[in-house]
Amino acid sequence: MTKRRDFSEFNAKLEKHIERLPDYAQRAQEKLQRYFPPADEAGGKPQQNGRTQRGPVSPPPVPRRPSAPAASAVFSTVAGQVPAVAEVRAKWQRWNEPGAKHQRRIRRTSRVLTLWVLITILLGILTVLTATGLLGGAVAGPEIGQAVFSGFATLVFGTFSVRTALRLRELKKLELPAAPSGPPPLPAAGSAAREPMERLAESEASLRELLRQLSAPTSLGTAAVPEVSVADARATADEAARALRGLADRIQAIERGRNSAPERERSALQAAVAKLREQLDDGIEGYGGLVAAAGRAVAASSDGLGTSREALTDATDRLAGLALALRDLG
Protein backbone atom coordinates (compact mmCIF):
# COMPACT_ATOMS: atom_id res chain seq x y z
CA MET A 1 0.00 0.00 0.00
CA THR A 2 1.07 3.53 -0.75
CA LYS A 3 1.86 5.59 2.29
CA ARG A 4 -0.16 8.83 2.41
CA ARG A 5 1.71 12.02 3.13
CA ASP A 6 0.89 14.06 6.21
CA PHE A 7 0.29 17.71 5.30
CA SER A 8 -0.67 18.86 8.78
CA GLU A 9 2.78 20.31 9.52
CA PHE A 10 2.85 22.09 6.18
CA ASN A 11 -0.62 23.57 6.78
CA ALA A 12 0.45 24.80 10.21
CA LYS A 13 3.48 26.63 8.75
CA LEU A 14 1.34 28.15 5.99
CA GLU A 15 -1.23 29.45 8.48
CA LYS A 16 1.57 30.92 10.57
CA HIS A 17 2.94 32.88 7.58
CA ILE A 18 -0.54 34.05 6.63
CA GLU A 19 -1.08 35.39 10.15
CA ARG A 20 2.18 37.38 9.88
CA LEU A 21 1.30 39.00 6.51
CA PRO A 22 0.18 42.30 8.17
CA ASP A 23 3.58 42.53 9.89
CA TYR A 24 5.33 42.01 6.53
CA ALA A 25 3.21 44.71 4.96
CA GLN A 26 3.98 47.12 7.82
CA ARG A 27 7.74 46.55 7.46
CA ALA A 28 7.57 47.04 3.71
CA GLN A 29 5.67 50.28 4.23
CA GLU A 30 8.26 51.55 6.71
CA LYS A 31 11.11 50.79 4.30
CA LEU A 32 9.25 52.55 1.50
CA GLN A 33 8.73 55.65 3.63
CA ARG A 34 12.47 55.85 4.31
CA TYR A 35 13.10 56.40 0.59
CA PHE A 36 9.95 58.48 -0.02
CA PRO A 37 9.37 60.63 3.10
CA PRO A 38 5.79 61.90 3.38
CA ALA A 39 5.10 65.60 2.86
CA ASP A 40 3.65 67.54 5.76
CA GLU A 41 1.01 69.17 3.56
CA ALA A 42 -0.17 65.73 2.39
CA GLY A 43 -1.38 64.90 5.90
CA GLY A 44 1.70 63.10 7.22
CA LYS A 45 3.28 63.67 10.62
CA PRO A 46 6.95 64.31 11.28
CA GLN A 47 9.11 61.23 11.76
CA GLN A 48 9.66 59.89 15.25
CA ASN A 49 12.41 57.39 16.07
CA GLY A 50 12.92 56.59 12.41
CA ARG A 51 9.24 55.72 11.87
CA THR A 52 6.41 57.69 10.41
CA GLN A 53 2.97 57.76 11.96
CA ARG A 54 0.62 57.93 8.98
CA GLY A 55 -1.76 55.77 7.02
CA PRO A 56 -1.03 53.64 4.02
CA VAL A 57 0.98 55.33 1.30
CA SER A 58 -0.65 55.61 -2.10
CA PRO A 59 1.57 54.60 -5.00
CA PRO A 60 3.07 57.42 -7.08
CA PRO A 61 0.92 58.42 -10.06
CA VAL A 62 1.84 56.75 -13.30
CA PRO A 63 2.54 59.36 -15.98
CA ARG A 64 0.09 59.05 -18.83
CA ARG A 65 1.28 58.94 -22.39
CA PRO A 66 0.37 62.01 -24.42
CA SER A 67 -2.51 61.61 -26.79
CA ALA A 68 -2.07 61.79 -30.55
CA PRO A 69 -3.29 65.42 -30.89
CA ALA A 70 -1.01 66.52 -28.05
CA ALA A 71 1.95 64.74 -29.60
CA SER A 72 1.14 66.35 -32.97
CA ALA A 73 0.99 69.79 -31.36
CA VAL A 74 4.34 69.22 -29.66
CA PHE A 75 5.86 68.10 -32.97
CA SER A 76 4.46 71.19 -34.72
CA THR A 77 5.99 73.43 -32.06
CA VAL A 78 9.37 71.73 -32.35
CA ALA A 79 9.17 71.88 -36.13
CA GLY A 80 8.56 75.61 -35.96
CA GLN A 81 11.54 76.18 -33.69
CA VAL A 82 14.12 73.96 -35.45
CA PRO A 83 14.97 75.41 -38.89
CA ALA A 84 16.02 72.06 -40.39
CA VAL A 85 12.80 70.32 -39.31
CA ALA A 86 10.70 73.25 -40.53
CA GLU A 87 12.43 73.16 -43.92
CA VAL A 88 11.88 69.40 -44.32
CA ARG A 89 8.26 69.79 -43.32
CA ALA A 90 7.74 72.63 -45.83
CA LYS A 91 9.31 70.55 -48.60
CA TRP A 92 7.06 67.60 -47.75
CA GLN A 93 3.98 69.83 -47.85
CA ARG A 94 5.00 71.29 -51.21
CA TRP A 95 5.58 67.75 -52.56
CA ASN A 96 2.05 66.68 -51.54
CA GLU A 97 0.27 69.71 -52.96
CA PRO A 98 -2.31 68.82 -55.66
CA GLY A 99 -0.63 71.15 -58.16
CA ALA A 100 2.77 69.54 -57.64
CA LYS A 101 1.28 66.06 -58.01
CA HIS A 102 -0.46 67.11 -61.22
CA GLN A 103 2.77 68.49 -62.70
CA ARG A 104 4.61 65.26 -61.86
CA ARG A 105 1.85 63.28 -63.57
CA ILE A 106 2.20 65.42 -66.69
CA ARG A 107 5.97 64.92 -66.75
CA ARG A 108 5.65 61.16 -66.37
CA THR A 109 3.08 60.97 -69.17
CA SER A 110 5.29 63.07 -71.43
CA ARG A 111 8.26 60.75 -70.85
CA VAL A 112 6.17 57.66 -71.56
CA LEU A 113 4.89 59.28 -74.77
CA THR A 114 8.47 59.99 -75.87
CA LEU A 115 9.40 56.35 -75.25
CA TRP A 116 6.43 54.99 -77.24
CA VAL A 117 7.13 57.37 -80.16
CA LEU A 118 10.79 56.36 -80.34
CA ILE A 119 9.94 52.63 -80.27
CA THR A 120 7.26 53.16 -82.94
CA ILE A 121 9.70 55.02 -85.20
CA LEU A 122 12.39 52.32 -84.85
CA LEU A 123 9.92 49.52 -85.54
CA GLY A 124 8.53 51.41 -88.53
CA ILE A 125 12.01 51.79 -89.99
CA LEU A 126 12.68 48.10 -89.39
CA THR A 127 9.41 47.18 -91.12
CA VAL A 128 10.21 49.29 -94.19
CA LEU A 129 13.75 47.93 -94.48
CA THR A 130 12.59 44.34 -94.11
CA ALA A 131 9.67 44.67 -96.54
CA THR A 132 11.76 46.36 -99.26
CA GLY A 133 14.60 43.89 -99.01
CA LEU A 134 17.14 46.50 -98.00
CA LEU A 135 17.85 44.50 -94.86
CA GLY A 136 19.35 41.13 -95.83
CA GLY A 137 18.94 41.13 -99.62
CA ALA A 138 15.95 39.59 -101.42
CA VAL A 139 12.68 39.14 -99.57
CA ALA A 140 12.26 35.47 -98.67
CA GLY A 141 9.96 33.57 -96.34
CA PRO A 142 11.71 34.45 -93.03
CA GLU A 143 12.05 38.09 -94.04
CA ILE A 144 8.34 38.29 -94.85
CA GLY A 145 7.46 36.90 -91.43
CA GLN A 146 9.83 39.36 -89.76
CA ALA A 147 8.29 42.23 -91.74
CA VAL A 148 4.78 41.18 -90.67
CA PHE A 149 5.83 40.89 -87.02
CA SER A 150 7.59 44.28 -86.98
CA GLY A 151 4.62 45.85 -88.74
CA PHE A 152 2.26 44.47 -86.08
CA ALA A 153 4.59 45.72 -83.30
CA THR A 154 4.68 49.14 -84.95
CA LEU A 155 0.88 49.23 -84.96
CA VAL A 156 0.71 48.27 -81.26
CA PHE A 157 3.24 50.84 -80.09
CA GLY A 158 1.69 53.44 -82.37
CA THR A 159 -1.62 52.83 -80.60
CA PHE A 160 0.14 53.29 -77.25
CA SER A 161 1.60 56.56 -78.51
CA VAL A 162 -1.80 57.91 -79.60
CA ARG A 163 -3.48 56.97 -76.34
CA THR A 164 -0.68 58.51 -74.29
CA ALA A 165 -0.81 61.69 -76.39
CA LEU A 166 -4.55 61.99 -75.76
CA ARG A 167 -3.98 61.40 -72.05
CA LEU A 168 -1.30 64.10 -71.97
CA ARG A 169 -3.65 66.51 -73.72
CA GLU A 170 -6.36 65.87 -71.13
CA LEU A 171 -3.94 66.42 -68.27
CA LYS A 172 -2.77 69.73 -69.69
CA LYS A 173 -6.36 70.93 -70.11
CA LEU A 174 -7.36 69.87 -66.59
CA GLU A 175 -7.77 72.79 -64.19
CA LEU A 176 -7.28 71.93 -60.55
CA PRO A 177 -9.38 73.64 -57.88
CA ALA A 178 -7.53 76.17 -55.81
CA ALA A 179 -6.01 74.40 -52.83
CA PRO A 180 -6.79 75.95 -49.44
CA SER A 181 -3.79 77.90 -48.34
CA GLY A 182 -2.48 76.94 -44.94
CA PRO A 183 -1.18 79.38 -42.35
CA PRO A 184 2.10 80.97 -43.40
CA PRO A 185 5.18 79.74 -41.53
CA LEU A 186 6.16 81.62 -38.39
CA PRO A 187 9.58 83.26 -38.00
CA ALA A 188 12.34 81.46 -36.15
CA ALA A 189 12.06 81.09 -32.40
CA GLY A 190 14.81 83.62 -31.67
CA SER A 191 13.50 86.28 -34.05
CA ALA A 192 12.00 89.52 -32.79
CA ALA A 193 9.11 88.99 -35.20
CA ARG A 194 8.12 85.58 -33.80
CA GLU A 195 5.88 86.75 -30.95
CA PRO A 196 4.00 89.42 -33.00
CA MET A 197 3.36 86.92 -35.78
CA GLU A 198 1.94 84.43 -33.28
CA ARG A 199 -0.45 87.12 -32.03
CA LEU A 200 -1.37 87.97 -35.61
CA ALA A 201 -2.22 84.33 -36.37
CA GLU A 202 -4.47 84.17 -33.29
CA SER A 203 -6.14 87.45 -34.21
CA GLU A 204 -6.76 86.26 -37.77
CA ALA A 205 -8.47 83.10 -36.52
CA SER A 206 -10.65 85.11 -34.12
CA LEU A 207 -11.57 87.66 -36.80
CA ARG A 208 -12.57 84.96 -39.29
CA GLU A 209 -14.96 83.43 -36.78
CA LEU A 210 -16.42 86.80 -35.80
CA LEU A 211 -16.98 87.89 -39.39
CA ARG A 212 -18.60 84.54 -40.13
CA GLN A 213 -21.05 85.12 -37.30
CA LEU A 214 -21.74 88.65 -38.53
CA SER A 215 -22.51 87.29 -42.01
CA ALA A 216 -24.91 84.64 -40.70
CA PRO A 217 -28.60 85.67 -40.75
CA THR A 218 -30.28 86.34 -37.43
CA SER A 219 -33.71 85.15 -36.29
CA LEU A 220 -35.24 88.05 -38.24
CA GLY A 221 -33.72 86.75 -41.48
CA THR A 222 -31.24 89.60 -41.88
CA ALA A 223 -27.52 89.78 -41.16
CA ALA A 224 -26.32 91.60 -38.05
CA VAL A 225 -24.08 93.82 -40.17
CA PRO A 226 -24.46 94.50 -43.92
CA GLU A 227 -22.44 92.17 -46.10
CA VAL A 228 -20.68 95.14 -47.66
CA SER A 229 -19.23 96.16 -44.29
CA VAL A 230 -18.18 92.58 -43.54
CA ALA A 231 -16.51 92.19 -46.94
CA ASP A 232 -14.75 95.53 -46.51
CA ALA A 233 -13.47 94.52 -43.08
CA ARG A 234 -12.28 91.14 -44.41
CA ALA A 235 -10.43 92.69 -47.36
CA THR A 236 -8.84 95.34 -45.15
CA ALA A 237 -7.75 92.71 -42.62
CA ASP A 238 -6.13 90.62 -45.37
CA GLU A 239 -4.29 93.64 -46.72
CA ALA A 240 -3.09 94.62 -43.25
CA ALA A 241 -1.94 91.06 -42.54
CA ARG A 242 0.11 91.03 -45.75
CA ALA A 243 1.69 94.35 -44.82
CA LEU A 244 2.51 93.09 -41.32
CA ARG A 245 4.07 89.92 -42.65
CA GLY A 246 6.12 91.98 -45.07
CA LEU A 247 7.39 94.01 -42.14
CA ALA A 248 8.21 90.77 -40.28
CA ASP A 249 10.18 89.58 -43.33
CA ARG A 250 12.20 92.80 -43.25
CA ILE A 251 12.99 92.22 -39.57
CA GLN A 252 14.20 88.69 -40.28
CA ALA A 253 16.36 89.88 -43.18
CA ILE A 254 17.99 92.53 -41.00
CA GLU A 255 18.55 89.95 -38.25
CA ARG A 256 20.32 87.65 -40.67
CA GLY A 257 22.51 90.54 -41.81
CA ARG A 258 23.21 91.47 -38.20
CA ASN A 259 24.37 87.96 -37.37
CA SER A 260 26.80 88.02 -40.30
CA ALA A 261 27.99 91.60 -39.85
CA PRO A 262 31.11 92.65 -37.95
CA GLU A 263 30.78 93.40 -34.26
CA ARG A 264 31.00 97.17 -34.71
CA GLU A 265 28.10 97.18 -37.19
CA ARG A 266 25.68 95.10 -35.15
CA SER A 267 24.51 97.86 -32.83
CA ALA A 268 23.09 99.92 -35.72
CA LEU A 269 21.34 96.91 -37.16
CA GLN A 270 19.94 95.99 -33.77
CA ALA A 271 18.55 99.53 -33.44
CA ALA A 272 16.86 99.13 -36.83
CA VAL A 273 15.34 95.83 -35.68
CA ALA A 274 14.02 97.46 -32.50
CA LYS A 275 12.43 100.31 -34.50
CA LEU A 276 10.73 97.92 -36.90
CA ARG A 277 9.55 95.84 -33.97
CA GLU A 278 7.80 98.89 -32.53
CA GLN A 279 6.06 99.49 -35.85
CA LEU A 280 5.09 95.84 -35.98
CA ASP A 281 3.62 95.99 -32.48
CA ASP A 282 1.59 99.06 -33.46
CA GLY A 283 0.27 97.21 -36.48
CA ILE A 284 -0.71 94.17 -34.42
CA GLU A 285 -2.48 96.48 -31.96
CA GLY A 286 -4.42 98.08 -34.80
CA TYR A 287 -5.40 94.67 -36.10
CA GLY A 288 -6.56 93.76 -32.61
CA GLY A 289 -8.75 96.89 -32.64
CA LEU A 290 -10.60 95.53 -35.64
CA VAL A 291 -11.03 92.17 -33.88
CA ALA A 292 -12.41 93.95 -30.82
CA ALA A 293 -14.82 95.97 -32.96
CA ALA A 294 -16.03 92.81 -34.65
CA GLY A 295 -16.53 91.22 -31.24
CA ARG A 296 -18.56 94.19 -30.05
CA ALA A 297 -20.62 94.00 -33.22
CA VAL A 298 -21.41 90.35 -32.56
CA ALA A 299 -22.28 91.10 -28.93
CA ALA A 300 -24.56 93.99 -29.88
CA SER A 301 -26.12 92.34 -32.90
CA SER A 302 -29.47 91.86 -31.17
CA ASP A 303 -30.26 95.45 -30.19
CA GLY A 304 -27.46 97.77 -31.29
CA LEU A 305 -27.18 97.26 -35.03
CA GLY A 306 -26.41 100.86 -35.81
CA THR A 307 -23.77 101.20 -33.11
CA SER A 308 -22.08 97.90 -34.00
CA ARG A 309 -22.02 98.77 -37.69
CA GLU A 310 -20.47 102.17 -37.02
CA ALA A 311 -17.84 100.69 -34.68
CA LEU A 312 -16.88 98.08 -37.25
CA THR A 313 -16.69 100.68 -40.01
CA ASP A 314 -14.49 102.98 -37.91
CA ALA A 315 -12.12 100.16 -36.98
CA THR A 316 -11.94 99.10 -40.63
CA ASP A 317 -11.05 102.62 -41.72
CA ARG A 318 -8.33 102.91 -39.08
CA LEU A 319 -6.86 99.55 -40.04
CA ALA A 320 -6.95 100.51 -43.73
CA GLY A 321 -4.95 103.66 -42.97
CA LEU A 322 -2.48 101.65 -40.91
CA ALA A 323 -2.05 99.10 -43.71
CA LEU A 324 -1.42 101.91 -46.19
CA ALA A 325 1.24 103.37 -43.91
CA LEU A 326 2.94 100.00 -43.50
CA ARG A 327 2.88 99.42 -47.25
CA ASP A 328 4.49 102.82 -47.81
CA LEU A 329 7.23 101.88 -45.34
CA GLY A 330 7.99 98.76 -47.35
Foldseek 3Di string as FASTA:
>chain_A
DDDDDDCPVVVVVVVVVVVCVVVVVVVVQLVVCVVVPDDVVVPWDDDDPSGTPDDGDDDDDDDDDDDPVVVVVVVVVVCLADVVSVVVVVVVVVCPDPVNVLVVVLVVLVVVLVVLVVLLVVLVVLLVCLVVQVPPHDNDDVSVVVSVVSVVVSVVSVVVNVVSVVVSVVSVPDDDPDDDDDDDRADHPPFLRRVLVVLLVVLVVLLVVLLVQQCDADPVRHGLEDPVLSVLLVVLSVLLVVLLVVLSVVLVVLVVVLVVDDPVPNVVSVVVSVVSSVLSVVSSVLSVQLSVLSVVSSVCSPPPSPVSNVSNNVSSVVSNVSSVVSVVVD
